[in-house]
Amino acid sequence: MSTDWLNIQSFQQSQELLSAINTLSIHHKLTGKGYLDTNRKEEAEQAVETLVAFFKKLDKIVQNIEDGPRKPILGVDARFRHLAENYVQAKRARSPSPLLELPLSQVRDLFYSERSEDRSKSLAVLAAFRELLEEHVGVDARQLLGDI
């Protein structure tokens, strides 16, 4: 598979994840303020499923990276591995964020919780992950478009 194709796939996946992050963030903020947000409930549930599936995959790769020297991971392209490596580096830098403090399995559980304190943590996780993902998207865009 060509590098350009991998960058395109990575860019597209990142855009889908950013959309899911935005949908769930808006839903959490509205429900946190007492609005029912019935119009966005199904979209928010789909966003949760998208993010949970992604974090499950990310968790496996992160565990592989943290277990030792760089080993190939079957079914994982270089761009996804790079995102996982960036996550591990941020985690090691001890950035103050629930995304980096909690195990990814607990992060996934936050998305299903209805408790207000979990909703606040979930929003912080989503914001931190958005930042990490936007950096990743920037690299993809530069590789696809060059320095315009």
N, C-alpha and C. Protein backbone atom coordinates (compact mmCIF):
# COMPACT_ATOMS: atom_id res chain seq x y z
N MET A 1 0.85 -1.17 0.00
CA MET A 1 0.00 0.00 0.00
C MET A 1 0.90 1.24 0.00
N SER A 2 0.57 2.21 -0.81
CA SER A 2 1.42 3.40 -0.93
C SER A 2 1.31 4.27 0.32
N THR A 3 2.35 5.06 0.53
CA THR A 3 2.37 5.98 1.67
C THR A 3 1.23 6.99 1.57
N ASP A 4 0.98 7.48 0.35
CA ASP A 4 -0.12 8.43 0.19
C ASP A 4 -1.45 7.82 0.59
N TRP A 5 -1.67 6.56 0.22
CA TRP A 5 -2.93 5.90 0.56
C TRP A 5 -3.06 5.74 2.07
N LEU A 6 -1.97 5.38 2.75
CA LEU A 6 -2.00 5.26 4.21
C LEU A 6 -2.30 6.62 4.85
N ASN A 7 -1.71 7.67 4.31
CA ASN A 7 -1.98 9.01 4.84
C ASN A 7 -3.43 9.41 4.63
N ILE A 8 -3.98 9.06 3.47
CA ILE A 8 -5.39 9.36 3.19
C ILE A 8 -6.30 8.60 4.16
N GLN A 9 -6.01 7.32 4.36
CA GLN A 9 -6.81 6.52 5.30
C GLN A 9 -6.71 7.08 6.71
N SER A 10 -5.50 7.43 7.12
CA SER A 10 -5.29 7.98 8.45
C SER A 10 -6.04 9.30 8.62
N PHE A 11 -5.97 10.14 7.60
CA PHE A 11 -6.66 11.44 7.63
C PHE A 11 -8.17 11.23 7.74
N GLN A 12 -8.70 10.29 6.95
CA GLN A 12 -10.14 10.03 6.98
C GLN A 12 -10.58 9.47 8.33
N GLN A 13 -9.81 8.52 8.86
CA GLN A 13 -10.15 7.96 10.17
C GLN A 13 -10.10 9.05 11.24
N SER A 14 -9.10 9.90 11.17
CA SER A 14 -8.98 10.98 12.15
C SER A 14 -10.17 11.93 12.07
N GLN A 15 -10.63 12.23 10.87
CA GLN A 15 -11.79 13.11 10.71
C GLN A 15 -13.04 12.47 11.31
N GLU A 16 -13.20 11.16 11.12
CA GLU A 16 -14.34 10.45 11.71
C GLU A 16 -14.27 10.48 13.23
N LEU A 17 -13.07 10.30 13.77
CA LEU A 17 -12.90 10.35 15.22
C LEU A 17 -13.15 11.75 15.76
N LEU A 18 -12.67 12.77 15.06
CA LEU A 18 -12.93 14.15 15.49
C LEU A 18 -14.42 14.45 15.48
N SER A 19 -15.12 13.95 14.48
CA SER A 19 -16.57 14.13 14.42
C SER A 19 -17.25 13.45 15.61
N ALA A 20 -16.82 12.24 15.94
CA ALA A 20 -17.38 11.52 17.08
C ALA A 20 -17.08 12.27 18.38
N ILE A 21 -15.87 12.78 18.51
CA ILE A 21 -15.50 13.56 19.69
C ILE A 21 -16.40 14.78 19.83
N ASN A 22 -16.59 15.50 18.74
CA ASN A 22 -17.43 16.70 18.78
C ASN A 22 -18.87 16.36 19.14
N THR A 23 -19.41 15.32 18.53
CA THR A 23 -20.79 14.90 18.80
C THR A 23 -20.98 14.55 20.26
N LEU A 24 -20.08 13.73 20.79
CA LEU A 24 -20.20 13.30 22.18
C LEU A 24 -19.96 14.46 23.14
N SER A 25 -19.01 15.32 22.83
CA SER A 25 -18.74 16.49 23.68
C SER A 25 -19.96 17.40 23.77
N ILE A 26 -20.56 17.68 22.64
CA ILE A 26 -21.76 18.53 22.63
C ILE A 26 -22.88 17.88 23.44
N HIS A 27 -23.08 16.59 23.23
CA HIS A 27 -24.13 15.86 23.95
C HIS A 27 -23.88 15.92 25.47
N HIS A 28 -22.64 15.65 25.89
CA HIS A 28 -22.32 15.69 27.32
C HIS A 28 -22.52 17.09 27.89
N LYS A 29 -22.12 18.10 27.15
CA LYS A 29 -22.27 19.47 27.65
C LYS A 29 -23.75 19.85 27.79
N LEU A 30 -24.55 19.47 26.82
CA LEU A 30 -25.99 19.78 26.89
C LEU A 30 -26.67 19.01 28.02
N THR A 31 -26.40 17.71 28.12
CA THR A 31 -27.03 16.93 29.19
C THR A 31 -26.51 17.36 30.56
N GLY A 32 -25.26 17.80 30.62
CA GLY A 32 -24.70 18.31 31.87
C GLY A 32 -25.39 19.58 32.35
N LYS A 33 -25.92 20.34 31.41
CA LYS A 33 -26.65 21.58 31.74
C LYS A 33 -28.14 21.33 31.94
N GLY A 34 -28.56 20.06 31.85
CA GLY A 34 -29.95 19.72 32.11
C GLY A 34 -30.83 19.60 30.89
N TYR A 35 -30.29 19.78 29.71
CA TYR A 35 -31.07 19.61 28.48
C TYR A 35 -31.17 18.13 28.15
N LEU A 36 -32.32 17.71 27.63
CA LEU A 36 -32.50 16.29 27.29
C LEU A 36 -31.70 15.88 26.06
N ASP A 37 -31.53 16.75 25.10
CA ASP A 37 -30.78 16.50 23.87
C ASP A 37 -31.22 15.21 23.18
N THR A 38 -32.52 15.04 23.05
CA THR A 38 -33.04 13.83 22.40
C THR A 38 -32.71 13.80 20.92
N ASN A 39 -32.52 14.97 20.31
CA ASN A 39 -32.20 15.02 18.88
C ASN A 39 -30.85 14.38 18.57
N ARG A 40 -29.92 14.49 19.51
CA ARG A 40 -28.57 14.02 19.27
C ARG A 40 -28.26 12.71 19.99
N LYS A 41 -29.22 12.12 20.66
CA LYS A 41 -28.98 10.93 21.48
C LYS A 41 -28.45 9.76 20.65
N GLU A 42 -29.09 9.46 19.53
CA GLU A 42 -28.63 8.35 18.69
C GLU A 42 -27.24 8.62 18.12
N GLU A 43 -27.01 9.86 17.70
CA GLU A 43 -25.69 10.22 17.18
C GLU A 43 -24.64 10.08 18.28
N ALA A 44 -24.98 10.47 19.50
CA ALA A 44 -24.05 10.35 20.62
C ALA A 44 -23.75 8.89 20.92
N GLU A 45 -24.77 8.04 20.86
CA GLU A 45 -24.55 6.60 21.09
C GLU A 45 -23.64 6.02 20.02
N GLN A 46 -23.83 6.43 18.77
CA GLN A 46 -22.96 5.97 17.69
C GLN A 46 -21.54 6.50 17.88
N ALA A 47 -21.41 7.73 18.35
CA ALA A 47 -20.09 8.30 18.62
C ALA A 47 -19.37 7.50 19.70
N VAL A 48 -20.11 7.11 20.74
CA VAL A 48 -19.53 6.29 21.81
C VAL A 48 -19.01 4.98 21.23
N GLU A 49 -19.81 4.33 20.40
CA GLU A 49 -19.39 3.05 19.81
C GLU A 49 -18.14 3.23 18.94
N THR A 50 -18.09 4.31 18.18
CA THR A 50 -16.92 4.60 17.34
C THR A 50 -15.68 4.79 18.21
N LEU A 51 -15.82 5.59 19.26
CA LEU A 51 -14.67 5.88 20.12
C LEU A 51 -14.24 4.67 20.93
N VAL A 52 -15.19 3.89 21.43
CA VAL A 52 -14.85 2.70 22.20
C VAL A 52 -14.09 1.70 21.33
N ALA A 53 -14.56 1.48 20.11
CA ALA A 53 -13.87 0.56 19.19
C ALA A 53 -12.45 1.06 18.91
N PHE A 54 -12.31 2.35 18.71
CA PHE A 54 -10.99 2.92 18.46
C PHE A 54 -10.08 2.74 19.67
N PHE A 55 -10.57 3.06 20.87
CA PHE A 55 -9.75 2.95 22.07
C PHE A 55 -9.38 1.50 22.38
N LYS A 56 -10.24 0.55 22.05
CA LYS A 56 -9.88 -0.87 22.22
C LYS A 56 -8.68 -1.21 21.34
N LYS A 57 -8.73 -0.78 20.09
CA LYS A 57 -7.63 -1.04 19.17
C LYS A 57 -6.37 -0.31 19.64
N LEU A 58 -6.52 0.94 20.04
CA LEU A 58 -5.38 1.72 20.53
C LEU A 58 -4.77 1.07 21.76
N ASP A 59 -5.59 0.56 22.66
CA ASP A 59 -5.12 -0.07 23.89
C ASP A 59 -4.20 -1.26 23.58
N LYS A 60 -4.57 -2.09 22.62
CA LYS A 60 -3.74 -3.24 22.26
C LYS A 60 -2.38 -2.80 21.74
N ILE A 61 -2.37 -1.76 20.92
CA ILE A 61 -1.12 -1.27 20.35
C ILE A 61 -0.26 -0.62 21.43
N VAL A 62 -0.88 0.15 22.30
CA VAL A 62 -0.15 0.81 23.39
C VAL A 62 0.48 -0.23 24.30
N GLN A 63 -0.25 -1.29 24.63
CA GLN A 63 0.31 -2.35 25.46
C GLN A 63 1.52 -2.98 24.79
N ASN A 64 1.44 -3.20 23.49
CA ASN A 64 2.56 -3.77 22.74
C ASN A 64 3.77 -2.84 22.80
N ILE A 65 3.55 -1.56 22.63
CA ILE A 65 4.64 -0.58 22.65
C ILE A 65 5.26 -0.50 24.04
N GLU A 66 4.42 -0.50 25.08
CA GLU A 66 4.92 -0.38 26.45
C GLU A 66 5.61 -1.65 26.94
N ASP A 67 5.32 -2.78 26.29
CA ASP A 67 5.91 -4.05 26.72
C ASP A 67 7.39 -4.19 26.40
N GLY A 68 7.91 -3.40 25.51
CA GLY A 68 9.33 -3.54 25.24
C GLY A 68 9.75 -2.96 23.92
N PRO A 69 10.83 -3.53 23.39
CA PRO A 69 11.38 -2.97 22.15
C PRO A 69 10.38 -3.04 21.01
N ARG A 70 10.62 -2.18 20.05
CA ARG A 70 9.71 -2.05 18.90
C ARG A 70 9.56 -3.38 18.18
N LYS A 71 8.33 -3.89 18.21
CA LYS A 71 8.00 -5.14 17.51
C LYS A 71 6.93 -4.84 16.48
N PRO A 72 6.94 -5.57 15.38
CA PRO A 72 5.86 -5.37 14.41
C PRO A 72 4.53 -5.83 15.00
N ILE A 73 3.47 -5.13 14.62
CA ILE A 73 2.13 -5.47 15.09
C ILE A 73 1.30 -5.78 13.86
N LEU A 74 0.80 -7.00 13.78
CA LEU A 74 0.02 -7.41 12.62
C LEU A 74 -1.26 -6.59 12.50
N GLY A 75 -1.55 -6.15 11.28
CA GLY A 75 -2.78 -5.44 11.00
C GLY A 75 -2.78 -3.97 11.39
N VAL A 76 -1.62 -3.44 11.76
CA VAL A 76 -1.54 -2.04 12.18
C VAL A 76 -0.62 -1.30 11.21
N ASP A 77 -1.16 -0.25 10.59
CA ASP A 77 -0.33 0.51 9.66
C ASP A 77 0.58 1.48 10.42
N ALA A 78 1.55 2.01 9.71
CA ALA A 78 2.56 2.88 10.31
C ALA A 78 1.96 4.14 10.92
N ARG A 79 0.94 4.71 10.29
CA ARG A 79 0.34 5.94 10.80
C ARG A 79 -0.38 5.69 12.13
N PHE A 80 -1.09 4.57 12.22
CA PHE A 80 -1.80 4.26 13.47
C PHE A 80 -0.79 3.99 14.58
N ARG A 81 0.27 3.27 14.24
CA ARG A 81 1.32 3.00 15.23
C ARG A 81 1.94 4.31 15.70
N HIS A 82 2.14 5.24 14.77
CA HIS A 82 2.72 6.54 15.13
C HIS A 82 1.81 7.28 16.11
N LEU A 83 0.51 7.23 15.89
CA LEU A 83 -0.43 7.85 16.83
C LEU A 83 -0.31 7.20 18.21
N ALA A 84 -0.22 5.87 18.25
CA ALA A 84 -0.08 5.16 19.52
C ALA A 84 1.24 5.54 20.20
N GLU A 85 2.30 5.66 19.43
CA GLU A 85 3.59 6.07 20.00
C GLU A 85 3.53 7.48 20.56
N ASN A 86 2.83 8.37 19.87
CA ASN A 86 2.65 9.74 20.38
C ASN A 86 1.87 9.73 21.69
N TYR A 87 0.87 8.86 21.78
CA TYR A 87 0.09 8.73 23.02
C TYR A 87 1.01 8.27 24.16
N VAL A 88 1.83 7.25 23.89
CA VAL A 88 2.74 6.72 24.91
C VAL A 88 3.75 7.79 25.34
N GLN A 89 4.28 8.54 24.39
CA GLN A 89 5.22 9.62 24.72
C GLN A 89 4.55 10.68 25.60
N ALA A 90 3.34 11.06 25.26
CA ALA A 90 2.61 12.04 26.06
C ALA A 90 2.35 11.50 27.46
N LYS A 91 2.04 10.23 27.55
CA LYS A 91 1.78 9.59 28.83
C LYS A 91 3.05 9.59 29.69
N ARG A 92 4.18 9.30 29.07
CA ARG A 92 5.46 9.29 29.80
C ARG A 92 5.88 10.69 30.23
N ALA A 93 5.45 11.70 29.49
CA ALA A 93 5.78 13.09 29.83
C ALA A 93 4.97 13.57 31.03
N ARG A 94 4.06 12.73 31.49
CA ARG A 94 3.24 13.02 32.67
C ARG A 94 2.38 14.27 32.51
N SER A 95 1.81 14.43 31.35
CA SER A 95 0.90 15.55 31.14
C SER A 95 -0.33 15.35 32.02
N PRO A 96 -0.80 16.41 32.68
CA PRO A 96 -1.95 16.26 33.57
C PRO A 96 -3.26 16.16 32.77
N SER A 97 -3.69 14.95 32.51
CA SER A 97 -4.92 14.73 31.75
C SER A 97 -5.48 13.37 32.11
N PRO A 98 -6.81 13.27 32.29
CA PRO A 98 -7.41 11.96 32.55
C PRO A 98 -7.12 10.96 31.43
N LEU A 99 -6.97 11.44 30.20
CA LEU A 99 -6.66 10.55 29.09
C LEU A 99 -5.35 9.83 29.34
N LEU A 100 -4.41 10.51 29.94
CA LEU A 100 -3.08 9.94 30.14
C LEU A 100 -2.92 9.30 31.51
N GLU A 101 -3.77 9.66 32.47
CA GLU A 101 -3.67 9.12 33.82
C GLU A 101 -4.40 7.79 33.96
N LEU A 102 -5.51 7.64 33.26
CA LEU A 102 -6.33 6.44 33.39
C LEU A 102 -5.93 5.39 32.36
N PRO A 103 -6.06 4.11 32.71
CA PRO A 103 -5.89 3.07 31.68
C PRO A 103 -6.97 3.26 30.61
N LEU A 104 -6.64 2.92 29.37
CA LEU A 104 -7.59 3.13 28.28
C LEU A 104 -8.90 2.37 28.49
N SER A 105 -8.86 1.24 29.19
CA SER A 105 -10.10 0.50 29.46
C SER A 105 -11.03 1.34 30.35
N GLN A 106 -10.48 2.08 31.30
CA GLN A 106 -11.30 2.95 32.15
C GLN A 106 -11.79 4.17 31.38
N VAL A 107 -10.97 4.64 30.44
CA VAL A 107 -11.39 5.76 29.59
C VAL A 107 -12.63 5.34 28.81
N ARG A 108 -12.61 4.13 28.27
CA ARG A 108 -13.77 3.63 27.51
C ARG A 108 -15.01 3.57 28.39
N ASP A 109 -14.84 3.14 29.63
CA ASP A 109 -15.98 3.04 30.55
C ASP A 109 -16.61 4.40 30.85
N LEU A 110 -15.78 5.45 30.86
CA LEU A 110 -16.30 6.80 31.11
C LEU A 110 -17.37 7.20 30.10
N PHE A 111 -17.20 6.76 28.86
CA PHE A 111 -18.14 7.16 27.80
C PHE A 111 -19.54 6.61 28.04
N TYR A 112 -19.66 5.49 28.75
CA TYR A 112 -20.96 4.88 29.02
C TYR A 112 -21.61 5.41 30.29
N SER A 113 -20.84 6.05 31.14
CA SER A 113 -21.34 6.47 32.45
C SER A 113 -22.30 7.65 32.33
N GLU A 114 -23.28 7.66 33.21
CA GLU A 114 -24.26 8.76 33.27
C GLU A 114 -23.96 9.70 34.44
N ARG A 115 -22.96 9.37 35.26
CA ARG A 115 -22.64 10.20 36.42
C ARG A 115 -22.01 11.51 35.98
N SER A 116 -22.35 12.59 36.66
CA SER A 116 -21.86 13.92 36.24
C SER A 116 -20.35 14.04 36.38
N GLU A 117 -19.75 13.45 37.43
CA GLU A 117 -18.29 13.53 37.57
C GLU A 117 -17.58 12.75 36.46
N ASP A 118 -18.19 11.64 36.03
CA ASP A 118 -17.62 10.89 34.91
C ASP A 118 -17.78 11.65 33.61
N ARG A 119 -18.89 12.37 33.49
CA ARG A 119 -19.12 13.19 32.29
C ARG A 119 -18.05 14.28 32.20
N SER A 120 -17.69 14.87 33.34
CA SER A 120 -16.64 15.90 33.35
C SER A 120 -15.30 15.30 32.95
N LYS A 121 -14.99 14.12 33.50
CA LYS A 121 -13.74 13.44 33.11
C LYS A 121 -13.76 13.09 31.64
N SER A 122 -14.91 12.62 31.18
CA SER A 122 -15.05 12.25 29.77
C SER A 122 -14.78 13.45 28.87
N LEU A 123 -15.30 14.61 29.24
CA LEU A 123 -15.06 15.82 28.46
C LEU A 123 -13.57 16.19 28.44
N ALA A 124 -12.90 16.03 29.58
CA ALA A 124 -11.46 16.31 29.64
C ALA A 124 -10.68 15.32 28.77
N VAL A 125 -11.08 14.05 28.81
CA VAL A 125 -10.44 13.03 27.97
C VAL A 125 -10.63 13.36 26.50
N LEU A 126 -11.86 13.70 26.14
CA LEU A 126 -12.15 14.02 24.74
C LEU A 126 -11.35 15.23 24.27
N ALA A 127 -11.21 16.24 25.13
CA ALA A 127 -10.43 17.43 24.75
C ALA A 127 -8.96 17.08 24.56
N ALA A 128 -8.41 16.27 25.47
CA ALA A 128 -7.00 15.87 25.36
C ALA A 128 -6.78 15.01 24.13
N PHE A 129 -7.71 14.10 23.87
CA PHE A 129 -7.56 13.24 22.70
C PHE A 129 -7.71 14.04 21.41
N ARG A 130 -8.61 15.02 21.42
CA ARG A 130 -8.77 15.88 20.25
C ARG A 130 -7.44 16.57 19.94
N GLU A 131 -6.77 17.06 20.97
CA GLU A 131 -5.49 17.75 20.77
C GLU A 131 -4.45 16.80 20.16
N LEU A 132 -4.34 15.60 20.70
CA LEU A 132 -3.41 14.60 20.17
C LEU A 132 -3.75 14.25 18.73
N LEU A 133 -5.03 14.09 18.46
CA LEU A 133 -5.49 13.72 17.12
C LEU A 133 -5.29 14.85 16.12
N GLU A 134 -5.49 16.09 16.55
CA GLU A 134 -5.28 17.22 15.64
C GLU A 134 -3.82 17.35 15.23
N GLU A 135 -2.90 17.04 16.14
CA GLU A 135 -1.48 17.03 15.78
C GLU A 135 -1.22 15.96 14.73
N HIS A 136 -1.83 14.81 14.92
CA HIS A 136 -1.68 13.69 13.99
C HIS A 136 -2.25 14.05 12.62
N VAL A 137 -3.40 14.70 12.60
CA VAL A 137 -4.03 15.12 11.35
C VAL A 137 -3.14 16.13 10.63
N GLY A 138 -2.51 17.01 11.38
CA GLY A 138 -1.62 18.00 10.78
C GLY A 138 -0.47 17.35 10.02
N VAL A 139 0.09 16.30 10.59
CA VAL A 139 1.16 15.56 9.91
C VAL A 139 0.63 14.92 8.64
N ASP A 140 -0.54 14.29 8.74
CA ASP A 140 -1.15 13.66 7.55
C ASP A 140 -1.38 14.70 6.45
N ALA A 141 -1.92 15.84 6.83
CA ALA A 141 -2.22 16.88 5.84
C ALA A 141 -0.95 17.40 5.18
N ARG A 142 0.11 17.62 5.98
CA ARG A 142 1.37 18.08 5.40
C ARG A 142 1.96 17.05 4.45
N GLN A 143 1.84 15.77 4.80
CA GLN A 143 2.38 14.73 3.93
C GLN A 143 1.57 14.61 2.64
N LEU A 144 0.28 14.85 2.73
CA LEU A 144 -0.57 14.77 1.54
C LEU A 144 -0.46 16.00 0.66
N LEU A 145 -0.43 17.16 1.29
CA LEU A 145 -0.51 18.41 0.54
C LEU A 145 0.82 19.14 0.41
N GLY A 146 1.79 18.74 1.20
CA GLY A 146 3.06 19.45 1.19
C GLY A 146 2.94 20.76 1.95
N ASP A 147 3.97 21.54 1.89
CA ASP A 147 3.95 22.84 2.57
C ASP A 147 3.39 23.89 1.62
N ILE A 148 2.09 24.07 1.68
CA ILE A 148 1.42 25.03 0.79
C ILE A 148 1.52 26.42 1.38
